[in-house]
Amino acid sequence: MFRRTFWFTAGAAAGVWATTKVNRKIKQLTPESLAAQAANKAIEAGHRMKDFALDVRDGMVQREAELGEALGLNADPDPASSRRLTALESGDGPRYGKNPKDSKNPTYVERPTYSYNRNEDH
C-alpha cells in the first residue's frame, strides 16, 4: 500500500510540474511576450552600442593626446614667433557695406545675397 501511495504522489507531482512548465512556455510564446522580449533585447543592444561608442571616444581622445604630445602640438606657442595675419586681421580683404558710393576704398564689394527659397525652380 505504501508503494502505491508513493508512486501516486510522485506521478501527481510530476504532472503538476510538467503542466506548470508547459503553461510557462506557452505564455512566453504569445505575441505580446515575444514583442516585449524583442524590445528588451533591442534596448540592451542599444546600451551596449552606446557604451562601445563612449569607449571608442575615450580611446580617441587619449590617442590624440598621445600623438599631440609626441609631435609637440600641445606645447605653448612661442609669443616671439611671427604669425601670418589673416585677411580680416590685416584689413586687406574686401569691404562690405550698404552703399558703395560712401566707401572710399577701391576694394569695396557688395555683400553677396543668396536665395534660400526651397520652392524655387532649379
N, C-alpha and C. Protein backbone atom coordinates (compact mmCIF):
# COMPACT_ATOMS: atom_id res chain seq x y z
N MET A 1 0.81 -1.19 0.00
CA MET A 1 0.00 0.00 0.00
C MET A 1 0.85 1.26 0.00
N PHE A 2 1.94 1.21 0.76
CA PHE A 2 2.81 2.38 0.83
C PHE A 2 3.44 2.64 -0.54
N ARG A 3 3.80 1.60 -1.29
CA ARG A 3 4.40 1.78 -2.61
C ARG A 3 3.42 2.45 -3.57
N ARG A 4 2.18 2.04 -3.53
CA ARG A 4 1.18 2.65 -4.41
C ARG A 4 0.97 4.12 -4.08
N THR A 5 0.94 4.46 -2.83
CA THR A 5 0.77 5.86 -2.42
C THR A 5 1.96 6.69 -2.86
N PHE A 6 3.16 6.14 -2.68
CA PHE A 6 4.37 6.85 -3.10
C PHE A 6 4.33 7.12 -4.60
N TRP A 7 4.05 6.13 -5.42
CA TRP A 7 4.05 6.31 -6.85
C TRP A 7 2.89 7.21 -7.32
N PHE A 8 1.78 7.13 -6.64
CA PHE A 8 0.67 8.03 -6.99
C PHE A 8 1.08 9.48 -6.72
N THR A 9 1.69 9.73 -5.58
CA THR A 9 2.13 11.09 -5.23
C THR A 9 3.22 11.56 -6.18
N ALA A 10 4.17 10.68 -6.51
CA ALA A 10 5.24 11.06 -7.43
C ALA A 10 4.67 11.37 -8.81
N GLY A 11 3.71 10.62 -9.28
CA GLY A 11 3.09 10.87 -10.58
C GLY A 11 2.31 12.17 -10.58
N ALA A 12 1.58 12.44 -9.50
CA ALA A 12 0.82 13.69 -9.41
C ALA A 12 1.77 14.89 -9.40
N ALA A 13 2.87 14.79 -8.66
CA ALA A 13 3.84 15.89 -8.59
C ALA A 13 4.48 16.11 -9.96
N ALA A 14 4.82 15.04 -10.66
CA ALA A 14 5.41 15.16 -11.99
C ALA A 14 4.41 15.79 -12.96
N GLY A 15 3.13 15.44 -12.85
CA GLY A 15 2.10 16.02 -13.70
C GLY A 15 1.94 17.51 -13.45
N VAL A 16 1.94 17.93 -12.19
CA VAL A 16 1.82 19.36 -11.85
C VAL A 16 3.04 20.11 -12.37
N TRP A 17 4.22 19.52 -12.17
CA TRP A 17 5.45 20.17 -12.63
C TRP A 17 5.44 20.33 -14.16
N ALA A 18 5.07 19.28 -14.87
CA ALA A 18 5.04 19.33 -16.34
C ALA A 18 3.99 20.32 -16.83
N THR A 19 2.84 20.35 -16.20
CA THR A 19 1.78 21.29 -16.60
C THR A 19 2.25 22.74 -16.38
N THR A 20 2.90 22.98 -15.27
CA THR A 20 3.41 24.32 -14.98
C THR A 20 4.44 24.74 -16.03
N LYS A 21 5.36 23.84 -16.37
CA LYS A 21 6.39 24.15 -17.37
C LYS A 21 5.77 24.44 -18.73
N VAL A 22 4.81 23.66 -19.13
CA VAL A 22 4.15 23.85 -20.43
C VAL A 22 3.41 25.18 -20.46
N ASN A 23 2.69 25.50 -19.39
CA ASN A 23 1.96 26.77 -19.34
C ASN A 23 2.91 27.97 -19.40
N ARG A 24 4.05 27.89 -18.71
CA ARG A 24 5.03 28.99 -18.76
C ARG A 24 5.56 29.16 -20.18
N LYS A 25 5.87 28.06 -20.83
CA LYS A 25 6.40 28.13 -22.19
C LYS A 25 5.37 28.70 -23.16
N ILE A 26 4.11 28.33 -22.99
CA ILE A 26 3.03 28.86 -23.84
C ILE A 26 2.90 30.37 -23.65
N LYS A 27 2.99 30.83 -22.39
CA LYS A 27 2.90 32.27 -22.13
C LYS A 27 4.09 33.01 -22.74
N GLN A 28 5.26 32.38 -22.77
CA GLN A 28 6.43 33.03 -23.35
C GLN A 28 6.32 33.16 -24.86
N LEU A 29 5.52 32.33 -25.48
CA LEU A 29 5.41 32.34 -26.94
C LEU A 29 4.22 33.13 -27.47
N THR A 30 3.54 33.87 -26.60
CA THR A 30 2.45 34.72 -27.07
C THR A 30 3.05 35.92 -27.81
N PRO A 31 2.33 36.52 -28.75
CA PRO A 31 2.86 37.66 -29.49
C PRO A 31 3.27 38.83 -28.59
N GLU A 32 2.48 39.12 -27.56
CA GLU A 32 2.82 40.23 -26.65
C GLU A 32 4.13 39.96 -25.93
N SER A 33 4.30 38.73 -25.48
CA SER A 33 5.52 38.37 -24.77
C SER A 33 6.73 38.41 -25.70
N LEU A 34 6.56 37.93 -26.92
CA LEU A 34 7.67 37.97 -27.88
C LEU A 34 8.05 39.41 -28.23
N ALA A 35 7.04 40.28 -28.35
CA ALA A 35 7.32 41.70 -28.64
C ALA A 35 8.06 42.34 -27.48
N ALA A 36 7.66 42.04 -26.26
CA ALA A 36 8.32 42.60 -25.09
C ALA A 36 9.76 42.11 -24.99
N GLN A 37 9.98 40.83 -25.29
CA GLN A 37 11.33 40.29 -25.26
C GLN A 37 12.20 40.95 -26.32
N ALA A 38 11.66 41.15 -27.51
CA ALA A 38 12.42 41.80 -28.58
C ALA A 38 12.76 43.24 -28.21
N ALA A 39 11.81 43.94 -27.60
CA ALA A 39 12.07 45.32 -27.19
C ALA A 39 13.16 45.37 -26.12
N ASN A 40 13.11 44.45 -25.19
CA ASN A 40 14.14 44.42 -24.14
C ASN A 40 15.51 44.13 -24.73
N LYS A 41 15.58 43.21 -25.67
CA LYS A 41 16.86 42.90 -26.32
C LYS A 41 17.37 44.09 -27.12
N ALA A 42 16.47 44.82 -27.78
CA ALA A 42 16.88 46.00 -28.54
C ALA A 42 17.43 47.09 -27.62
N ILE A 43 16.78 47.30 -26.50
CA ILE A 43 17.25 48.29 -25.54
C ILE A 43 18.61 47.89 -24.99
N GLU A 44 18.75 46.62 -24.69
CA GLU A 44 20.02 46.11 -24.17
C GLU A 44 21.14 46.30 -25.20
N ALA A 45 20.84 46.01 -26.46
CA ALA A 45 21.83 46.19 -27.53
C ALA A 45 22.18 47.67 -27.70
N GLY A 46 21.18 48.54 -27.56
CA GLY A 46 21.44 49.98 -27.66
C GLY A 46 22.37 50.46 -26.56
N HIS A 47 22.18 49.96 -25.36
CA HIS A 47 23.07 50.32 -24.25
C HIS A 47 24.49 49.83 -24.50
N ARG A 48 24.61 48.63 -25.03
CA ARG A 48 25.94 48.10 -25.34
C ARG A 48 26.62 48.94 -26.42
N MET A 49 25.86 49.34 -27.45
CA MET A 49 26.44 50.16 -28.51
C MET A 49 26.86 51.53 -27.98
N LYS A 50 26.05 52.10 -27.10
CA LYS A 50 26.40 53.39 -26.51
C LYS A 50 27.68 53.28 -25.69
N ASP A 51 27.78 52.21 -24.88
CA ASP A 51 29.00 52.00 -24.10
C ASP A 51 30.21 51.83 -25.00
N PHE A 52 30.04 51.09 -26.09
CA PHE A 52 31.14 50.91 -27.04
C PHE A 52 31.55 52.23 -27.65
N ALA A 53 30.58 53.05 -28.06
CA ALA A 53 30.89 54.35 -28.66
C ALA A 53 31.62 55.25 -27.66
N LEU A 54 31.21 55.22 -26.40
CA LEU A 54 31.90 56.02 -25.39
C LEU A 54 33.32 55.53 -25.17
N ASP A 55 33.52 54.22 -25.19
CA ASP A 55 34.86 53.68 -25.04
C ASP A 55 35.74 54.08 -26.23
N VAL A 56 35.17 54.04 -27.43
CA VAL A 56 35.93 54.45 -28.62
C VAL A 56 36.30 55.92 -28.53
N ARG A 57 35.34 56.74 -28.12
CA ARG A 57 35.61 58.18 -28.00
C ARG A 57 36.70 58.46 -26.97
N ASP A 58 36.65 57.76 -25.83
CA ASP A 58 37.69 57.94 -24.82
C ASP A 58 39.05 57.52 -25.36
N GLY A 59 39.08 56.41 -26.10
CA GLY A 59 40.34 55.97 -26.70
C GLY A 59 40.86 56.95 -27.72
N MET A 60 39.96 57.56 -28.49
CA MET A 60 40.38 58.55 -29.48
C MET A 60 41.00 59.77 -28.80
N VAL A 61 40.35 60.23 -27.74
CA VAL A 61 40.86 61.41 -27.03
C VAL A 61 42.23 61.10 -26.44
N GLN A 62 42.37 59.92 -25.85
CA GLN A 62 43.64 59.53 -25.26
C GLN A 62 44.72 59.44 -26.34
N ARG A 63 44.39 58.82 -27.47
CA ARG A 63 45.38 58.67 -28.54
C ARG A 63 45.75 60.02 -29.15
N GLU A 64 44.77 60.91 -29.31
CA GLU A 64 45.08 62.25 -29.82
C GLU A 64 46.00 63.00 -28.89
N ALA A 65 45.78 62.84 -27.58
CA ALA A 65 46.66 63.48 -26.61
C ALA A 65 48.07 62.91 -26.71
N GLU A 66 48.18 61.59 -26.87
CA GLU A 66 49.50 60.98 -27.00
C GLU A 66 50.20 61.47 -28.26
N LEU A 67 49.48 61.52 -29.38
CA LEU A 67 50.08 61.99 -30.62
C LEU A 67 50.46 63.47 -30.54
N GLY A 68 49.58 64.27 -29.94
CA GLY A 68 49.90 65.69 -29.79
C GLY A 68 51.14 65.91 -28.95
N GLU A 69 51.28 65.10 -27.91
CA GLU A 69 52.47 65.21 -27.06
C GLU A 69 53.71 64.75 -27.82
N ALA A 70 53.59 63.67 -28.57
CA ALA A 70 54.73 63.15 -29.32
C ALA A 70 55.16 64.11 -30.43
N LEU A 71 54.20 64.79 -31.04
CA LEU A 71 54.53 65.71 -32.14
C LEU A 71 54.78 67.14 -31.67
N GLY A 72 54.59 67.39 -30.38
CA GLY A 72 54.82 68.72 -29.85
C GLY A 72 53.71 69.70 -30.16
N LEU A 73 52.52 69.21 -30.43
CA LEU A 73 51.40 70.10 -30.75
C LEU A 73 50.77 70.69 -29.50
N ASN A 74 51.02 70.11 -28.36
CA ASN A 74 50.41 70.59 -27.12
C ASN A 74 51.27 71.63 -26.43
N ALA A 75 52.45 71.91 -26.95
CA ALA A 75 53.34 72.88 -26.34
C ALA A 75 52.78 74.29 -26.53
N ASP A 76 53.05 75.16 -25.56
CA ASP A 76 52.60 76.54 -25.68
C ASP A 76 53.35 77.22 -26.82
N PRO A 77 52.63 77.97 -27.66
CA PRO A 77 53.31 78.64 -28.78
C PRO A 77 54.23 79.74 -28.26
N ASP A 78 55.31 79.94 -28.98
CA ASP A 78 56.28 80.97 -28.61
C ASP A 78 55.71 82.34 -28.98
N PRO A 79 55.50 83.23 -28.01
CA PRO A 79 54.91 84.52 -28.35
C PRO A 79 55.81 85.37 -29.24
N ALA A 80 57.10 85.08 -29.25
CA ALA A 80 58.01 85.88 -30.07
C ALA A 80 57.97 85.46 -31.53
N SER A 81 57.38 84.32 -31.81
CA SER A 81 57.36 83.86 -33.20
C SER A 81 56.40 84.72 -34.02
N SER A 82 56.74 84.91 -35.28
CA SER A 82 55.89 85.73 -36.14
C SER A 82 54.72 84.89 -36.63
N ARG A 83 53.59 85.53 -36.75
CA ARG A 83 52.38 84.84 -37.19
C ARG A 83 51.82 85.61 -38.36
N ARG A 84 51.36 84.87 -39.37
CA ARG A 84 50.75 85.50 -40.54
C ARG A 84 49.38 86.01 -40.18
N LEU A 85 49.05 87.20 -40.60
CA LEU A 85 47.74 87.76 -40.35
C LEU A 85 46.78 87.29 -41.42
N THR A 86 45.55 87.05 -41.02
CA THR A 86 44.53 86.68 -42.00
C THR A 86 44.03 87.93 -42.69
N ALA A 87 43.25 87.77 -43.72
CA ALA A 87 42.73 88.91 -44.47
C ALA A 87 41.87 89.80 -43.59
N LEU A 88 41.13 89.22 -42.67
CA LEU A 88 40.29 90.03 -41.79
C LEU A 88 41.12 90.82 -40.80
N GLU A 89 42.20 90.22 -40.30
CA GLU A 89 43.04 90.92 -39.33
C GLU A 89 43.87 92.02 -39.97
N SER A 90 44.33 91.79 -41.20
CA SER A 90 45.21 92.76 -41.84
C SER A 90 44.44 93.91 -42.47
N GLY A 91 43.17 93.72 -42.74
CA GLY A 91 42.38 94.76 -43.35
C GLY A 91 42.51 94.80 -44.87
N ASP A 92 43.14 93.79 -45.46
CA ASP A 92 43.33 93.77 -46.91
C ASP A 92 42.16 93.13 -47.64
N GLY A 93 41.21 92.59 -46.93
CA GLY A 93 40.10 91.92 -47.57
C GLY A 93 39.09 92.89 -48.13
N PRO A 94 38.07 92.40 -48.80
CA PRO A 94 37.06 93.29 -49.38
C PRO A 94 36.24 93.96 -48.29
N ARG A 95 35.76 95.14 -48.60
CA ARG A 95 34.93 95.91 -47.67
C ARG A 95 33.47 95.69 -48.01
N TYR A 96 32.68 95.39 -47.00
CA TYR A 96 31.26 95.21 -47.21
C TYR A 96 30.52 96.39 -46.59
N GLY A 97 29.47 96.82 -47.22
CA GLY A 97 28.70 97.92 -46.70
C GLY A 97 27.38 98.03 -47.43
N LYS A 98 26.61 99.11 -47.11
CA LYS A 98 25.30 99.27 -47.74
C LYS A 98 25.39 100.08 -49.02
N ASN A 99 26.20 101.10 -49.04
CA ASN A 99 26.24 101.98 -50.19
C ASN A 99 27.68 102.08 -50.71
N PRO A 100 27.95 101.61 -51.91
CA PRO A 100 29.33 101.64 -52.40
C PRO A 100 29.84 103.06 -52.64
N LYS A 101 28.96 104.02 -52.80
CA LYS A 101 29.40 105.39 -53.05
C LYS A 101 29.97 106.02 -51.79
N ASP A 102 29.56 105.51 -50.62
CA ASP A 102 30.08 106.06 -49.37
C ASP A 102 31.47 105.52 -49.07
N SER A 103 31.84 104.45 -49.71
CA SER A 103 33.12 103.84 -49.42
C SER A 103 34.19 104.45 -50.31
N LYS A 104 35.26 104.87 -49.71
CA LYS A 104 36.37 105.44 -50.48
C LYS A 104 37.40 104.37 -50.80
N ASN A 105 37.14 103.15 -50.41
CA ASN A 105 38.07 102.06 -50.63
C ASN A 105 37.80 101.45 -52.01
N PRO A 106 38.81 101.35 -52.86
CA PRO A 106 38.59 100.77 -54.19
C PRO A 106 38.29 99.28 -54.17
N THR A 107 38.53 98.61 -53.05
CA THR A 107 38.29 97.17 -52.98
C THR A 107 36.89 96.87 -52.46
N TYR A 108 36.01 97.89 -52.49
CA TYR A 108 34.66 97.70 -51.99
C TYR A 108 33.90 96.67 -52.82
N VAL A 109 33.23 95.75 -52.15
CA VAL A 109 32.44 94.72 -52.81
C VAL A 109 31.10 94.66 -52.10
N GLU A 110 30.04 94.56 -52.88
CA GLU A 110 28.73 94.41 -52.26
C GLU A 110 28.63 93.04 -51.63
N ARG A 111 27.94 92.98 -50.52
CA ARG A 111 27.74 91.71 -49.83
C ARG A 111 26.89 90.81 -50.71
N PRO A 112 27.34 89.58 -50.97
CA PRO A 112 26.56 88.69 -51.82
C PRO A 112 25.27 88.27 -51.11
N THR A 113 24.23 88.13 -51.90
CA THR A 113 22.96 87.67 -51.34
C THR A 113 22.63 86.32 -51.97
N TYR A 114 22.07 85.47 -51.14
CA TYR A 114 21.73 84.13 -51.60
C TYR A 114 20.26 83.89 -51.34
N SER A 115 19.63 83.23 -52.29
CA SER A 115 18.24 82.88 -52.13
C SER A 115 18.15 81.51 -51.48
N TYR A 116 17.41 81.44 -50.39
CA TYR A 116 17.24 80.17 -49.70
C TYR A 116 15.82 79.67 -49.83
N ASN A 117 15.15 80.02 -50.91
CA ASN A 117 13.78 79.62 -51.12
C ASN A 117 13.77 78.17 -51.59
N ARG A 118 13.19 77.30 -50.82
CA ARG A 118 13.17 75.88 -51.16
C ARG A 118 12.21 75.61 -52.32
N ASN A 119 11.27 76.50 -52.56
CA ASN A 119 10.30 76.29 -53.62
C ASN A 119 10.75 76.85 -54.96
N GLU A 120 11.94 77.39 -54.98
CA GLU A 120 12.47 77.98 -56.19
C GLU A 120 12.76 76.90 -57.23
N ASP A 121 12.44 77.18 -58.50
CA ASP A 121 12.73 76.22 -59.56
C ASP A 121 14.23 76.15 -59.79
N HIS A 122 14.72 74.96 -60.04
CA HIS A 122 16.17 74.78 -60.26
C HIS A 122 16.42 74.35 -61.66
